[in-house]
Amino acid sequence: MRSRRALVLAQAALARLGSTAEADDELNERGLRALGEAAWRQRAFGEVARAYAALLVQPGGAGDDDARATAEFRLASALERTGDVATAIALLERAAPRLPGDARGQAYRLLADLHERRGDLAAAAAALETNALATDATASATARADALYRAG
């Protein structure tokens, strides 16, 4: 219930900011971040897409590289659910290598799934292999083994 209230409050705050000409960029960015996070928790994918798309076009709007990769992943997830598969694939290809551990695995699995739905089995296998062969220790051995198994 709290996340629903947070979503409503973030929407209201952004609406008020939009009607205020003197709202600064930092305040707008904070409002978009709050909306994106609240919408993500509610699985309100239309609002997720609106918040993160606006955040990503602002110079430095998504923060550091980790935060930007997370924003791209969330936007891609929302776009996949709202039917924009091509843009979701492009975002996932950019974000997945920069995400940490399990989030990277989720991104590569979604990327593989989207490629598979489009009939590009080679690209799907490549996404899974890339995840499985990651050399850092942030992904569990089980997750890497599963990705290798799924890649064939």
N, C-alpha and C. Protein backbone atom coordinates (compact mmCIF):
# COMPACT_ATOMS: atom_id res chain seq x y z
N MET A 1 0.81 -1.19 0.00
CA MET A 1 0.00 0.00 0.00
C MET A 1 0.87 1.27 0.00
N ARG A 2 2.00 1.20 0.70
CA ARG A 2 2.89 2.37 0.73
C ARG A 2 3.40 2.73 -0.65
N SER A 3 3.75 1.71 -1.44
CA SER A 3 4.30 2.01 -2.76
C SER A 3 3.23 2.64 -3.66
N ARG A 4 1.97 2.28 -3.46
CA ARG A 4 0.88 2.90 -4.22
C ARG A 4 0.77 4.38 -3.85
N ARG A 5 0.85 4.66 -2.56
CA ARG A 5 0.80 6.05 -2.10
C ARG A 5 2.01 6.83 -2.62
N ALA A 6 3.17 6.21 -2.61
CA ALA A 6 4.38 6.86 -3.11
C ALA A 6 4.22 7.20 -4.60
N LEU A 7 3.60 6.30 -5.35
CA LEU A 7 3.39 6.55 -6.77
C LEU A 7 2.47 7.76 -6.97
N VAL A 8 1.39 7.81 -6.24
CA VAL A 8 0.44 8.93 -6.35
C VAL A 8 1.11 10.24 -5.96
N LEU A 9 1.89 10.22 -4.89
CA LEU A 9 2.57 11.44 -4.44
C LEU A 9 3.64 11.90 -5.45
N ALA A 10 4.37 10.95 -6.03
CA ALA A 10 5.38 11.31 -7.02
C ALA A 10 4.72 11.90 -8.27
N GLN A 11 3.60 11.32 -8.69
CA GLN A 11 2.87 11.86 -9.84
C GLN A 11 2.40 13.29 -9.56
N ALA A 12 1.87 13.51 -8.37
CA ALA A 12 1.39 14.84 -8.00
C ALA A 12 2.54 15.84 -7.94
N ALA A 13 3.66 15.43 -7.37
CA ALA A 13 4.82 16.32 -7.27
C ALA A 13 5.32 16.72 -8.66
N LEU A 14 5.40 15.76 -9.57
CA LEU A 14 5.86 16.09 -10.92
C LEU A 14 4.86 16.98 -11.64
N ALA A 15 3.58 16.76 -11.42
CA ALA A 15 2.57 17.62 -12.04
C ALA A 15 2.73 19.06 -11.55
N ARG A 16 2.99 19.23 -10.27
CA ARG A 16 3.19 20.59 -9.73
C ARG A 16 4.48 21.19 -10.25
N LEU A 17 5.53 20.40 -10.37
CA LEU A 17 6.79 20.91 -10.90
C LEU A 17 6.62 21.35 -12.34
N GLY A 18 5.85 20.59 -13.10
CA GLY A 18 5.64 20.91 -14.50
C GLY A 18 4.94 22.24 -14.69
N SER A 19 4.13 22.64 -13.72
CA SER A 19 3.42 23.91 -13.84
C SER A 19 4.21 25.07 -13.24
N THR A 20 5.39 24.79 -12.72
CA THR A 20 6.23 25.82 -12.11
C THR A 20 7.42 26.09 -13.02
N ALA A 21 7.47 27.25 -13.59
CA ALA A 21 8.53 27.58 -14.54
C ALA A 21 9.91 27.60 -13.90
N GLU A 22 9.98 27.94 -12.61
CA GLU A 22 11.29 28.06 -11.98
C GLU A 22 11.81 26.77 -11.36
N ALA A 23 11.14 25.65 -11.59
CA ALA A 23 11.62 24.37 -11.06
C ALA A 23 12.99 24.06 -11.66
N ASP A 24 13.97 23.83 -10.82
CA ASP A 24 15.31 23.58 -11.32
C ASP A 24 15.48 22.13 -11.77
N ASP A 25 16.55 21.89 -12.51
CA ASP A 25 16.80 20.57 -13.07
C ASP A 25 16.98 19.51 -12.00
N GLU A 26 17.67 19.87 -10.91
CA GLU A 26 17.91 18.88 -9.86
C GLU A 26 16.61 18.44 -9.20
N LEU A 27 15.73 19.37 -8.97
CA LEU A 27 14.44 19.04 -8.36
C LEU A 27 13.60 18.18 -9.31
N ASN A 28 13.62 18.53 -10.57
CA ASN A 28 12.90 17.73 -11.57
C ASN A 28 13.47 16.32 -11.64
N GLU A 29 14.80 16.22 -11.62
CA GLU A 29 15.46 14.91 -11.64
C GLU A 29 15.05 14.06 -10.44
N ARG A 30 15.03 14.67 -9.28
CA ARG A 30 14.64 13.94 -8.06
C ARG A 30 13.19 13.48 -8.16
N GLY A 31 12.33 14.31 -8.73
CA GLY A 31 10.94 13.93 -8.92
C GLY A 31 10.80 12.76 -9.88
N LEU A 32 11.56 12.79 -10.97
CA LEU A 32 11.53 11.69 -11.94
C LEU A 32 12.06 10.39 -11.33
N ARG A 33 13.11 10.51 -10.53
CA ARG A 33 13.65 9.32 -9.85
C ARG A 33 12.61 8.72 -8.90
N ALA A 34 11.93 9.58 -8.15
CA ALA A 34 10.91 9.11 -7.21
C ALA A 34 9.76 8.45 -7.97
N LEU A 35 9.33 9.07 -9.06
CA LEU A 35 8.26 8.49 -9.86
C LEU A 35 8.69 7.15 -10.44
N GLY A 36 9.90 7.09 -10.99
CA GLY A 36 10.39 5.85 -11.57
C GLY A 36 10.46 4.72 -10.57
N GLU A 37 10.99 5.01 -9.39
CA GLU A 37 11.12 3.99 -8.35
C GLU A 37 9.74 3.54 -7.86
N ALA A 38 8.86 4.48 -7.60
CA ALA A 38 7.52 4.13 -7.11
C ALA A 38 6.74 3.34 -8.17
N ALA A 39 6.85 3.76 -9.41
CA ALA A 39 6.15 3.06 -10.50
C ALA A 39 6.72 1.65 -10.69
N TRP A 40 8.05 1.52 -10.57
CA TRP A 40 8.69 0.21 -10.70
C TRP A 40 8.17 -0.75 -9.63
N ARG A 41 8.06 -0.27 -8.42
CA ARG A 41 7.58 -1.12 -7.32
C ARG A 41 6.11 -1.51 -7.51
N GLN A 42 5.35 -0.66 -8.16
CA GLN A 42 3.93 -0.95 -8.41
C GLN A 42 3.72 -1.70 -9.72
N ARG A 43 4.77 -1.85 -10.49
CA ARG A 43 4.69 -2.45 -11.82
C ARG A 43 3.74 -1.66 -12.72
N ALA A 44 3.78 -0.34 -12.56
CA ALA A 44 3.00 0.58 -13.40
C ALA A 44 3.90 0.96 -14.57
N PHE A 45 3.96 0.09 -15.57
CA PHE A 45 5.00 0.20 -16.59
C PHE A 45 4.87 1.42 -17.49
N GLY A 46 3.68 1.94 -17.67
CA GLY A 46 3.53 3.18 -18.41
C GLY A 46 4.23 4.34 -17.72
N GLU A 47 4.07 4.40 -16.40
CA GLU A 47 4.74 5.44 -15.61
C GLU A 47 6.24 5.19 -15.51
N VAL A 48 6.64 3.92 -15.43
CA VAL A 48 8.07 3.59 -15.43
C VAL A 48 8.71 4.13 -16.71
N ALA A 49 8.07 3.86 -17.84
CA ALA A 49 8.59 4.32 -19.13
C ALA A 49 8.66 5.84 -19.18
N ARG A 50 7.61 6.50 -18.72
CA ARG A 50 7.57 7.97 -18.75
C ARG A 50 8.70 8.56 -17.90
N ALA A 51 8.86 8.04 -16.70
CA ALA A 51 9.87 8.60 -15.78
C ALA A 51 11.28 8.35 -16.28
N TYR A 52 11.60 7.11 -16.63
CA TYR A 52 12.99 6.81 -17.00
C TYR A 52 13.35 7.35 -18.38
N ALA A 53 12.39 7.43 -19.29
CA ALA A 53 12.68 8.04 -20.59
C ALA A 53 13.03 9.52 -20.41
N ALA A 54 12.28 10.21 -19.57
CA ALA A 54 12.56 11.63 -19.31
C ALA A 54 13.88 11.80 -18.57
N LEU A 55 14.15 10.91 -17.63
CA LEU A 55 15.38 10.99 -16.84
C LEU A 55 16.61 10.76 -17.71
N LEU A 56 16.53 9.81 -18.62
CA LEU A 56 17.69 9.45 -19.43
C LEU A 56 18.05 10.50 -20.48
N VAL A 57 17.11 11.36 -20.87
CA VAL A 57 17.44 12.39 -21.86
C VAL A 57 18.03 13.63 -21.23
N GLN A 58 17.95 13.74 -19.91
CA GLN A 58 18.55 14.89 -19.23
C GLN A 58 20.06 14.67 -19.12
N PRO A 59 20.85 15.70 -19.37
CA PRO A 59 22.30 15.55 -19.23
C PRO A 59 22.66 15.16 -17.79
N GLY A 60 23.26 14.00 -17.64
CA GLY A 60 23.62 13.50 -16.32
C GLY A 60 22.43 13.14 -15.46
N GLY A 61 21.24 13.07 -16.07
CA GLY A 61 20.02 12.88 -15.32
C GLY A 61 19.89 11.55 -14.61
N ALA A 62 20.53 10.55 -15.10
CA ALA A 62 20.40 9.24 -14.46
C ALA A 62 21.50 8.99 -13.44
N GLY A 63 22.38 9.93 -13.27
CA GLY A 63 23.44 9.77 -12.27
C GLY A 63 24.65 9.05 -12.82
N ASP A 64 25.31 8.27 -11.96
CA ASP A 64 26.53 7.56 -12.37
C ASP A 64 26.18 6.42 -13.32
N ASP A 65 27.20 5.73 -13.79
CA ASP A 65 27.00 4.70 -14.80
C ASP A 65 26.12 3.55 -14.29
N ASP A 66 26.28 3.15 -13.02
CA ASP A 66 25.44 2.08 -12.46
C ASP A 66 23.98 2.50 -12.44
N ALA A 67 23.72 3.71 -12.00
CA ALA A 67 22.34 4.20 -11.95
C ALA A 67 21.77 4.34 -13.35
N ARG A 68 22.58 4.77 -14.29
CA ARG A 68 22.12 4.90 -15.68
C ARG A 68 21.79 3.53 -16.27
N ALA A 69 22.64 2.54 -16.01
CA ALA A 69 22.38 1.19 -16.51
C ALA A 69 21.09 0.63 -15.90
N THR A 70 20.86 0.89 -14.62
CA THR A 70 19.63 0.44 -13.98
C THR A 70 18.42 1.13 -14.59
N ALA A 71 18.53 2.43 -14.85
CA ALA A 71 17.43 3.17 -15.47
C ALA A 71 17.16 2.62 -16.87
N GLU A 72 18.21 2.32 -17.64
CA GLU A 72 18.02 1.76 -18.98
C GLU A 72 17.36 0.38 -18.91
N PHE A 73 17.77 -0.43 -17.93
CA PHE A 73 17.16 -1.75 -17.76
C PHE A 73 15.67 -1.63 -17.43
N ARG A 74 15.35 -0.74 -16.51
CA ARG A 74 13.95 -0.57 -16.12
C ARG A 74 13.12 -0.02 -17.27
N LEU A 75 13.68 0.92 -18.01
CA LEU A 75 12.96 1.46 -19.17
C LEU A 75 12.76 0.35 -20.21
N ALA A 76 13.78 -0.46 -20.46
CA ALA A 76 13.65 -1.55 -21.41
C ALA A 76 12.58 -2.54 -20.97
N SER A 77 12.54 -2.86 -19.69
CA SER A 77 11.52 -3.78 -19.17
C SER A 77 10.12 -3.22 -19.38
N ALA A 78 9.98 -1.92 -19.13
CA ALA A 78 8.67 -1.28 -19.31
C ALA A 78 8.29 -1.24 -20.79
N LEU A 79 9.24 -0.93 -21.65
CA LEU A 79 8.95 -0.87 -23.08
C LEU A 79 8.59 -2.24 -23.64
N GLU A 80 9.26 -3.27 -23.13
CA GLU A 80 8.93 -4.64 -23.56
C GLU A 80 7.48 -4.94 -23.22
N ARG A 81 7.04 -4.54 -22.06
CA ARG A 81 5.66 -4.82 -21.63
C ARG A 81 4.64 -3.96 -22.34
N THR A 82 5.07 -2.81 -22.85
CA THR A 82 4.13 -1.95 -23.57
C THR A 82 4.24 -2.12 -25.08
N GLY A 83 5.09 -3.06 -25.54
CA GLY A 83 5.12 -3.43 -26.95
C GLY A 83 6.24 -2.86 -27.80
N ASP A 84 7.14 -2.07 -27.26
CA ASP A 84 8.23 -1.51 -28.05
C ASP A 84 9.48 -2.38 -27.90
N VAL A 85 9.45 -3.53 -28.55
CA VAL A 85 10.50 -4.54 -28.39
C VAL A 85 11.83 -4.07 -28.98
N ALA A 86 11.80 -3.40 -30.11
CA ALA A 86 13.04 -2.97 -30.76
C ALA A 86 13.83 -2.01 -29.86
N THR A 87 13.16 -1.05 -29.27
CA THR A 87 13.85 -0.12 -28.38
C THR A 87 14.31 -0.83 -27.12
N ALA A 88 13.50 -1.76 -26.63
CA ALA A 88 13.88 -2.53 -25.43
C ALA A 88 15.16 -3.31 -25.70
N ILE A 89 15.27 -3.93 -26.85
CA ILE A 89 16.49 -4.68 -27.20
C ILE A 89 17.70 -3.75 -27.23
N ALA A 90 17.56 -2.60 -27.87
CA ALA A 90 18.67 -1.65 -27.95
C ALA A 90 19.12 -1.20 -26.56
N LEU A 91 18.16 -0.91 -25.70
CA LEU A 91 18.51 -0.49 -24.33
C LEU A 91 19.17 -1.62 -23.55
N LEU A 92 18.66 -2.83 -23.69
CA LEU A 92 19.24 -3.97 -22.96
C LEU A 92 20.65 -4.27 -23.44
N GLU A 93 20.89 -4.16 -24.73
CA GLU A 93 22.24 -4.42 -25.25
C GLU A 93 23.24 -3.43 -24.68
N ARG A 94 22.79 -2.21 -24.45
CA ARG A 94 23.66 -1.19 -23.88
C ARG A 94 23.81 -1.35 -22.37
N ALA A 95 22.72 -1.67 -21.68
CA ALA A 95 22.73 -1.69 -20.21
C ALA A 95 23.28 -2.98 -19.62
N ALA A 96 22.95 -4.12 -20.21
CA ALA A 96 23.26 -5.41 -19.60
C ALA A 96 24.73 -5.58 -19.19
N PRO A 97 25.70 -5.25 -20.03
CA PRO A 97 27.09 -5.46 -19.61
C PRO A 97 27.52 -4.60 -18.42
N ARG A 98 26.79 -3.52 -18.16
CA ARG A 98 27.18 -2.58 -17.10
C ARG A 98 26.45 -2.83 -15.79
N LEU A 99 25.49 -3.74 -15.79
CA LEU A 99 24.72 -4.01 -14.57
C LEU A 99 25.49 -4.98 -13.67
N PRO A 100 25.27 -4.88 -12.37
CA PRO A 100 25.95 -5.80 -11.44
C PRO A 100 25.19 -7.11 -11.30
N GLY A 101 25.92 -8.19 -11.11
CA GLY A 101 25.42 -9.51 -10.72
C GLY A 101 24.09 -9.98 -11.25
N ASP A 102 23.15 -10.17 -10.34
CA ASP A 102 21.86 -10.74 -10.72
C ASP A 102 21.06 -9.84 -11.65
N ALA A 103 21.21 -8.53 -11.52
CA ALA A 103 20.51 -7.62 -12.43
C ALA A 103 21.01 -7.82 -13.85
N ARG A 104 22.32 -8.06 -14.00
CA ARG A 104 22.87 -8.33 -15.33
C ARG A 104 22.27 -9.62 -15.88
N GLY A 105 22.17 -10.63 -15.03
CA GLY A 105 21.56 -11.89 -15.48
C GLY A 105 20.12 -11.71 -15.92
N GLN A 106 19.35 -10.92 -15.18
CA GLN A 106 17.97 -10.65 -15.57
C GLN A 106 17.92 -9.94 -16.90
N ALA A 107 18.81 -8.97 -17.09
CA ALA A 107 18.82 -8.21 -18.34
C ALA A 107 19.17 -9.11 -19.53
N TYR A 108 20.19 -9.95 -19.36
CA TYR A 108 20.57 -10.84 -20.46
C TYR A 108 19.49 -11.88 -20.74
N ARG A 109 18.81 -12.38 -19.71
CA ARG A 109 17.72 -13.34 -19.94
C ARG A 109 16.57 -12.68 -20.68
N LEU A 110 16.23 -11.45 -20.31
CA LEU A 110 15.18 -10.73 -21.02
C LEU A 110 15.60 -10.46 -22.46
N LEU A 111 16.85 -10.05 -22.65
CA LEU A 111 17.37 -9.82 -23.99
C LEU A 111 17.29 -11.09 -24.83
N ALA A 112 17.69 -12.21 -24.26
CA ALA A 112 17.61 -13.49 -24.98
C ALA A 112 16.16 -13.83 -25.32
N ASP A 113 15.27 -13.62 -24.39
CA ASP A 113 13.86 -13.90 -24.61
C ASP A 113 13.31 -13.04 -25.75
N LEU A 114 13.66 -11.77 -25.78
CA LEU A 114 13.17 -10.88 -26.84
C LEU A 114 13.72 -11.29 -28.20
N HIS A 115 15.00 -11.65 -28.25
CA HIS A 115 15.58 -12.13 -29.51
C HIS A 115 14.89 -13.42 -29.96
N GLU A 116 14.63 -14.31 -29.01
CA GLU A 116 13.97 -15.57 -29.33
C GLU A 116 12.57 -15.33 -29.89
N ARG A 117 11.83 -14.42 -29.28
CA ARG A 117 10.48 -14.09 -29.77
C ARG A 117 10.50 -13.54 -31.19
N ARG A 118 11.60 -12.86 -31.53
CA ARG A 118 11.73 -12.30 -32.88
C ARG A 118 12.29 -13.32 -33.86
N GLY A 119 12.62 -14.52 -33.37
CA GLY A 119 13.13 -15.57 -34.24
C GLY A 119 14.63 -15.55 -34.44
N ASP A 120 15.35 -14.71 -33.73
CA ASP A 120 16.80 -14.61 -33.87
C ASP A 120 17.45 -15.46 -32.77
N LEU A 121 17.50 -16.77 -33.03
CA LEU A 121 18.01 -17.70 -32.02
C LEU A 121 19.50 -17.54 -31.76
N ALA A 122 20.24 -17.16 -32.79
CA ALA A 122 21.68 -16.96 -32.61
C ALA A 122 21.94 -15.79 -31.66
N ALA A 123 21.20 -14.71 -31.80
CA ALA A 123 21.36 -13.56 -30.91
C ALA A 123 20.92 -13.92 -29.49
N ALA A 124 19.88 -14.73 -29.38
CA ALA A 124 19.42 -15.17 -28.05
C ALA A 124 20.51 -15.98 -27.36
N ALA A 125 21.10 -16.92 -28.08
CA ALA A 125 22.17 -17.75 -27.52
C ALA A 125 23.38 -16.90 -27.16
N ALA A 126 23.70 -15.93 -28.01
CA ALA A 126 24.85 -15.06 -27.74
C ALA A 126 24.64 -14.25 -26.45
N ALA A 127 23.43 -13.77 -26.23
CA ALA A 127 23.14 -13.02 -25.00
C ALA A 127 23.34 -13.90 -23.77
N LEU A 128 22.85 -15.12 -23.83
CA LEU A 128 23.01 -16.03 -22.70
C LEU A 128 24.47 -16.42 -22.48
N GLU A 129 25.19 -16.64 -23.56
CA GLU A 129 26.61 -16.99 -23.43
C GLU A 129 27.41 -15.83 -22.85
N THR A 130 27.11 -14.63 -23.28
CA THR A 130 27.81 -13.46 -22.76
C THR A 130 27.64 -13.37 -21.25
N ASN A 131 26.42 -13.59 -20.79
CA ASN A 131 26.16 -13.57 -19.36
C ASN A 131 26.89 -14.70 -18.65
N ALA A 132 26.85 -15.88 -19.23
CA ALA A 132 27.46 -17.04 -18.58
C ALA A 132 28.97 -16.93 -18.49
N LEU A 133 29.58 -16.28 -19.46
CA LEU A 133 31.03 -16.20 -19.50
C LEU A 133 31.59 -14.95 -18.83
N ALA A 134 30.74 -14.21 -18.16
CA ALA A 134 31.21 -13.01 -17.44
C ALA A 134 32.29 -13.43 -16.46
N THR A 135 33.37 -12.69 -16.44
CA THR A 135 34.51 -13.10 -15.64
C THR A 135 34.51 -12.52 -14.23
N ASP A 136 33.63 -11.58 -13.95
CA ASP A 136 33.63 -11.04 -12.60
C ASP A 136 32.87 -11.97 -11.66
N ALA A 137 33.00 -11.74 -10.39
CA ALA A 137 32.43 -12.64 -9.39
C ALA A 137 31.05 -12.20 -8.90
N THR A 138 30.44 -11.23 -9.58
CA THR A 138 29.16 -10.73 -9.08
C THR A 138 27.99 -11.65 -9.40
N ALA A 139 28.12 -12.48 -10.41
CA ALA A 139 27.06 -13.44 -10.73
C ALA A 139 27.41 -14.78 -10.10
N SER A 140 26.41 -15.44 -9.57
CA SER A 140 26.66 -16.73 -8.91
C SER A 140 27.02 -17.80 -9.94
N ALA A 141 27.72 -18.81 -9.49
CA ALA A 141 28.09 -19.92 -10.37
C ALA A 141 26.83 -20.61 -10.90
N THR A 142 25.80 -20.71 -10.08
CA THR A 142 24.55 -21.32 -10.51
C THR A 142 23.91 -20.54 -11.64
N ALA A 143 23.91 -19.22 -11.52
CA ALA A 143 23.32 -18.37 -12.57
C ALA A 143 24.11 -18.50 -13.87
N ARG A 144 25.44 -18.55 -13.77
CA ARG A 144 26.24 -18.71 -14.98
C ARG A 144 26.03 -20.09 -15.61
N ALA A 145 25.93 -21.13 -14.79
CA ALA A 145 25.69 -22.48 -15.31
C ALA A 145 24.32 -22.55 -16.01
N ASP A 146 23.32 -21.92 -15.40
CA ASP A 146 21.99 -21.89 -16.01
C ASP A 146 22.03 -21.18 -17.36
N ALA A 147 22.75 -20.08 -17.44
CA ALA A 147 22.85 -19.34 -18.70
C ALA A 147 23.55 -20.17 -19.77
N LEU A 148 24.62 -20.88 -19.39
CA LEU A 148 25.30 -21.75 -20.35
C LEU A 148 24.39 -22.87 -20.84
N TYR A 149 23.63 -23.45 -19.91
CA TYR A 149 22.71 -24.53 -20.26
C TYR A 149 21.66 -24.01 -21.24
N ARG A 150 21.09 -22.84 -20.96
CA ARG A 150 20.05 -22.28 -21.81
C ARG A 150 20.60 -21.88 -23.17
N ALA A 151 21.89 -21.47 -23.22
CA ALA A 151 22.49 -21.06 -24.49
C ALA A 151 22.71 -22.24 -25.42
N GLY A 152 22.79 -23.44 -24.83
CA GLY A 152 22.95 -24.65 -25.65
C GLY A 152 24.36 -24.90 -25.88
